[in-house]
């Protein structure tokens, strides 16, 4: 069951992604592309991911998995085709063995749906001696209780 190893790699990639954000994002959905030729079982990957993120910063996040079909290209006749194991993955038009895979080996993050937690307070002021500091404060009215002096 290499879905557990795939989940570990996915979690490491998500940790690296999170480290690029100044404020920890709230992840909703992680959209994956999984090729048919990767031998990854989507339902097992879902289970492994759900178990791994329980009680972590990713708790509540879900995976959305899109399957990418296996497509090969015959180097003899030049046709693209959907290889199948019953024919030994050979080209259906000339019987030449599969040599080139165009798609079906993907295992990657397509996109991440997330939001940033709301930070209440005045906007960050720029230092007059340097470039302005970016502000991550939501400009909409704050709904947090007023601060006590």
C-alpha atoms as a PDB file:
ATOM      1  CA  UNK A   1       0.000   0.000   0.000  1.00  0.00           C
ATOM      2  CA  UNK A   2       2.107   2.878  -1.259  1.00  0.00           C
ATOM      3  CA  UNK A   3      -0.737   5.360  -0.716  1.00  0.00           C
ATOM      4  CA  UNK A   4       0.710   5.944   2.774  1.00  0.00           C
ATOM      5  CA  UNK A   5       4.046   6.936   1.222  1.00  0.00           C
ATOM      6  CA  UNK A   6       2.225   9.147  -1.293  1.00  0.00           C
ATOM      7  CA  UNK A   7       0.380  10.798   1.603  1.00  0.00           C
ATOM      8  CA  UNK A   8       3.690  11.486   3.377  1.00  0.00           C
ATOM      9  CA  UNK A   9       5.059  13.140   0.227  1.00  0.00           C
ATOM     10  CA  UNK A  10       1.849  15.149  -0.177  1.00  0.00           C
ATOM     11  CA  UNK A  11       2.001  16.333   3.432  1.00  0.00           C
ATOM     12  CA  UNK A  12       5.640  17.390   3.015  1.00  0.00           C
ATOM     13  CA  UNK A  13       4.731  19.374  -0.112  1.00  0.00           C
ATOM     14  CA  UNK A  14       1.863  21.027   1.789  1.00  0.00           C
ATOM     15  CA  UNK A  15       4.181  21.899   4.698  1.00  0.00           C
ATOM     16  CA  UNK A  16       6.618  23.518   2.249  1.00  0.00           C
ATOM     17  CA  UNK A  17       3.715  25.420   0.650  1.00  0.00           C
ATOM     18  CA  UNK A  18       2.462  26.578   4.058  1.00  0.00           C
ATOM     19  CA  UNK A  19       5.923  27.877   4.977  1.00  0.00           C
ATOM     20  CA  UNK A  20       5.695  30.307   2.033  1.00  0.00           C
ATOM     21  CA  UNK A  21       2.716  32.100   3.595  1.00  0.00           C
ATOM     22  CA  UNK A  22       3.132  34.793   6.282  1.00  0.00           C
ATOM     23  CA  UNK A  23      -0.147  33.736   7.904  1.00  0.00           C
ATOM     24  CA  UNK A  24      -1.117  30.062   8.122  1.00  0.00           C
ATOM     25  CA  UNK A  25      -3.793  29.423   5.486  1.00  0.00           C
ATOM     26  CA  UNK A  26      -7.014  27.532   6.197  1.00  0.00           C
ATOM     27  CA  UNK A  27      -7.060  24.760   3.583  1.00  0.00           C
ATOM     28  CA  UNK A  28     -10.419  23.686   2.180  1.00  0.00           C
ATOM     29  CA  UNK A  29      -9.708  21.380  -0.753  1.00  0.00           C
ATOM     30  CA  UNK A  30      -6.537  20.000  -2.279  1.00  0.00           C
ATOM     31  CA  UNK A  31      -7.065  19.139  -5.934  1.00  0.00           C
ATOM     32  CA  UNK A  32      -4.844  16.320  -7.170  1.00  0.00           C
ATOM     33  CA  UNK A  33      -4.175  14.878 -10.610  1.00  0.00           C
ATOM     34  CA  UNK A  34      -3.583  11.133 -10.372  1.00  0.00           C
ATOM     35  CA  UNK A  35      -2.628   9.157 -13.461  1.00  0.00           C
ATOM     36  CA  UNK A  36      -4.155   5.746 -14.122  1.00  0.00           C
ATOM     37  CA  UNK A  37      -0.669   4.262 -14.541  1.00  0.00           C
ATOM     38  CA  UNK A  38       0.571   5.319 -11.076  1.00  0.00           C
ATOM     39  CA  UNK A  39      -1.098   2.362  -9.361  1.00  0.00           C
ATOM     40  CA  UNK A  40      -2.452   4.762  -6.727  1.00  0.00           C
ATOM     41  CA  UNK A  41      -5.932   3.800  -5.556  1.00  0.00           C
ATOM     42  CA  UNK A  42      -7.829   7.098  -5.018  1.00  0.00           C
ATOM     43  CA  UNK A  43     -10.083   5.742  -2.262  1.00  0.00           C
ATOM     44  CA  UNK A  44      -7.063   4.457  -0.322  1.00  0.00           C
ATOM     45  CA  UNK A  45      -5.292   7.782  -0.788  1.00  0.00           C
ATOM     46  CA  UNK A  46      -8.389   9.540   0.600  1.00  0.00           C
ATOM     47  CA  UNK A  47      -8.398   7.269   3.674  1.00  0.00           C
ATOM     48  CA  UNK A  48      -4.680   7.654   4.258  1.00  0.00           C
ATOM     49  CA  UNK A  49      -4.898  11.441   3.945  1.00  0.00           C
ATOM     50  CA  UNK A  50      -7.893  11.697   6.298  1.00  0.00           C
ATOM     51  CA  UNK A  51      -6.070   9.670   8.958  1.00  0.00           C
ATOM     52  CA  UNK A  52      -2.839  11.636   8.562  1.00  0.00           C
ATOM     53  CA  UNK A  53      -4.370  15.122   8.899  1.00  0.00           C
ATOM     54  CA  UNK A  54      -6.601  14.416  11.875  1.00  0.00           C
ATOM     55  CA  UNK A  55      -5.776  16.919  14.669  1.00  0.00           C
ATOM     56  CA  UNK A  56      -3.286  18.851  12.472  1.00  0.00           C
ATOM     57  CA  UNK A  57      -3.380  22.235  10.740  1.00  0.00           C
ATOM     58  CA  UNK A  58      -4.974  20.391   7.782  1.00  0.00           C
ATOM     59  CA  UNK A  59      -7.849  18.937   9.809  1.00  0.00           C
ATOM     60  CA  UNK A  60     -11.030  19.367   7.800  1.00  0.00           C
ATOM     61  CA  UNK A  61      -9.214  19.653   4.472  1.00  0.00           C
ATOM     62  CA  UNK A  62     -10.348  17.258   1.781  1.00  0.00           C
ATOM     63  CA  UNK A  63      -8.836  15.770  -1.336  1.00  0.00           C
ATOM     64  CA  UNK A  64     -10.449  16.106  -4.730  1.00  0.00           C
ATOM     65  CA  UNK A  65      -8.857  13.580  -7.073  1.00  0.00           C
ATOM     66  CA  UNK A  66      -9.077  13.849 -10.859  1.00  0.00           C
ATOM     67  CA  UNK A  67      -8.000  10.783 -12.789  1.00  0.00           C
ATOM     68  CA  UNK A  68      -5.686  11.254 -15.765  1.00  0.00           C
ATOM     69  CA  UNK A  69      -6.066   8.533 -18.411  1.00  0.00           C
ATOM     70  CA  UNK A  70      -3.150   6.472 -19.663  1.00  0.00           C
ATOM     71  CA  UNK A  71      -2.334   7.590 -23.215  1.00  0.00           C
ATOM     72  CA  UNK A  72       0.530   6.167 -25.234  1.00  0.00           C
ATOM     73  CA  UNK A  73       2.050   7.025 -28.583  1.00  0.00           C
ATOM     74  CA  UNK A  74       3.235   4.459 -31.074  1.00  0.00           C
ATOM     75  CA  UNK A  75       6.659   5.310 -32.472  1.00  0.00           C
ATOM     76  CA  UNK A  76       6.060   3.123 -35.534  1.00  0.00           C
ATOM     77  CA  UNK A  77       2.669   4.335 -36.806  1.00  0.00           C
ATOM     78  CA  UNK A  78       2.597   7.666 -34.896  1.00  0.00           C
ATOM     79  CA  UNK A  79      -0.877   7.136 -33.431  1.00  0.00           C
ATOM     80  CA  UNK A  80      -1.859   8.102 -29.885  1.00  0.00           C
ATOM     81  CA  UNK A  81      -3.966   5.477 -28.129  1.00  0.00           C
ATOM     82  CA  UNK A  82      -5.323   4.279 -24.786  1.00  0.00           C
ATOM     83  CA  UNK A  83      -3.139   1.253 -23.938  1.00  0.00           C
ATOM     84  CA  UNK A  84      -4.764  -1.654 -22.154  1.00  0.00           C
ATOM     85  CA  UNK A  85      -3.203  -4.568 -20.310  1.00  0.00           C
ATOM     86  CA  UNK A  86      -5.165  -7.247 -22.188  1.00  0.00           C
ATOM     87  CA  UNK A  87      -3.283  -6.331 -25.386  1.00  0.00           C
ATOM     88  CA  UNK A  88       0.026  -6.010 -23.565  1.00  0.00           C
ATOM     89  CA  UNK A  89      -0.248  -2.212 -23.909  1.00  0.00           C
ATOM     90  CA  UNK A  90       0.613  -2.590 -27.627  1.00  0.00           C
ATOM     91  CA  UNK A  91      -0.574  -0.222 -30.338  1.00  0.00           C
ATOM     92  CA  UNK A  92      -4.023  -1.299 -31.550  1.00  0.00           C
ATOM     93  CA  UNK A  93      -3.226  -0.365 -35.152  1.00  0.00           C
ATOM     94  CA  UNK A  94       0.147  -2.044 -35.664  1.00  0.00           C
ATOM     95  CA  UNK A  95       0.781  -4.133 -32.524  1.00  0.00           C
ATOM     96  CA  UNK A  96       4.058  -2.362 -31.712  1.00  0.00           C
ATOM     97  CA  UNK A  97       4.877  -2.392 -27.959  1.00  0.00           C
ATOM     98  CA  UNK A  98       4.225   0.725 -25.884  1.00  0.00           C
ATOM     99  CA  UNK A  99       7.347   2.878 -25.765  1.00  0.00           C
ATOM    100  CA  UNK A 100       6.114   6.396 -25.094  1.00  0.00           C
ATOM    101  CA  UNK A 101       3.624   7.409 -22.403  1.00  0.00           C
ATOM    102  CA  UNK A 102       1.998  10.790 -23.038  1.00  0.00           C
ATOM    103  CA  UNK A 103      -0.115  10.852 -19.881  1.00  0.00           C
ATOM    104  CA  UNK A 104      -1.185   8.643 -17.018  1.00  0.00           C
ATOM    105  CA  UNK A 105       1.842   8.840 -14.723  1.00  0.00           C
ATOM    106  CA  UNK A 106       0.912  12.150 -13.104  1.00  0.00           C
ATOM    107  CA  UNK A 107       0.709  12.477  -9.355  1.00  0.00           C
ATOM    108  CA  UNK A 108       0.651  16.161  -8.547  1.00  0.00           C
ATOM    109  CA  UNK A 109      -1.151  18.949  -6.807  1.00  0.00           C
ATOM    110  CA  UNK A 110      -3.256  20.803  -9.344  1.00  0.00           C
ATOM    111  CA  UNK A 111      -4.375  23.555  -6.968  1.00  0.00           C
ATOM    112  CA  UNK A 112      -5.223  24.289  -3.343  1.00  0.00           C
ATOM    113  CA  UNK A 113      -8.409  26.058  -2.293  1.00  0.00           C
ATOM    114  CA  UNK A 114      -7.681  28.027   0.873  1.00  0.00           C
ATOM    115  CA  UNK A 115      -8.421  31.178   2.796  1.00  0.00           C
ATOM    116  CA  UNK A 116      -6.350  33.302   5.109  1.00  0.00           C
ATOM    117  CA  UNK A 117      -7.539  33.819   8.659  1.00  0.00           C
ATOM    118  CA  UNK A 118      -8.780  37.300   9.343  1.00  0.00           C
ATOM    119  CA  UNK A 119      -6.406  39.541  11.242  1.00  0.00           C
ATOM    120  CA  UNK A 120      -8.135  42.425  12.990  1.00  0.00           C
ATOM    121  CA  UNK A 121      -6.435  45.661  13.805  1.00  0.00           C
ATOM    122  CA  UNK A 122      -4.998  48.696  12.114  1.00  0.00           C
ATOM    123  CA  UNK A 123      -3.117  48.207   8.850  1.00  0.00           C
ATOM    124  CA  UNK A 124       0.611  47.680   9.148  1.00  0.00           C
ATOM    125  CA  UNK A 125       2.352  51.046   8.751  1.00  0.00           C
ATOM    126  CA  UNK A 126       5.306  51.394   6.422  1.00  0.00           C
ATOM    127  CA  UNK A 127       8.702  52.203   7.857  1.00  0.00           C
ATOM    128  CA  UNK A 128       9.557  55.696   6.524  1.00  0.00           C
ATOM    129  CA  UNK A 129      13.190  54.658   5.983  1.00  0.00           C
ATOM    130  CA  UNK A 130      12.467  51.629   3.806  1.00  0.00           C
ATOM    131  CA  UNK A 131      10.054  50.132   1.364  1.00  0.00           C
ATOM    132  CA  UNK A 132       6.450  49.714   2.579  1.00  0.00           C
ATOM    133  CA  UNK A 133       5.691  46.549   4.474  1.00  0.00           C
ATOM    134  CA  UNK A 134       2.845  44.594   2.857  1.00  0.00           C
ATOM    135  CA  UNK A 135      -0.377  44.595   4.834  1.00  0.00           C
ATOM    136  CA  UNK A 136      -2.330  41.380   5.273  1.00  0.00           C
ATOM    137  CA  UNK A 137      -5.119  43.080   7.208  1.00  0.00           C
ATOM    138  CA  UNK A 138      -8.597  42.634   5.769  1.00  0.00           C
ATOM    139  CA  UNK A 139      -9.938  46.134   4.933  1.00  0.00           C
ATOM    140  CA  UNK A 140     -13.541  45.141   5.708  1.00  0.00           C
ATOM    141  CA  UNK A 141     -15.033  46.148   9.058  1.00  0.00           C
ATOM    142  CA  UNK A 142     -13.765  44.130  11.994  1.00  0.00           C
ATOM    143  CA  UNK A 143     -16.282  41.970  13.810  1.00  0.00           C
ATOM    144  CA  UNK A 144     -13.958  41.079  16.700  1.00  0.00           C
ATOM    145  CA  UNK A 145     -14.796  42.399  20.173  1.00  0.00           C
ATOM    146  CA  UNK A 146     -13.155  45.779  20.867  1.00  0.00           C
ATOM    147  CA  UNK A 147      -9.740  45.656  22.509  1.00  0.00           C
ATOM    148  CA  UNK A 148      -9.589  46.867  26.084  1.00  0.00           C
ATOM    149  CA  UNK A 149      -6.968  49.536  26.824  1.00  0.00           C
END
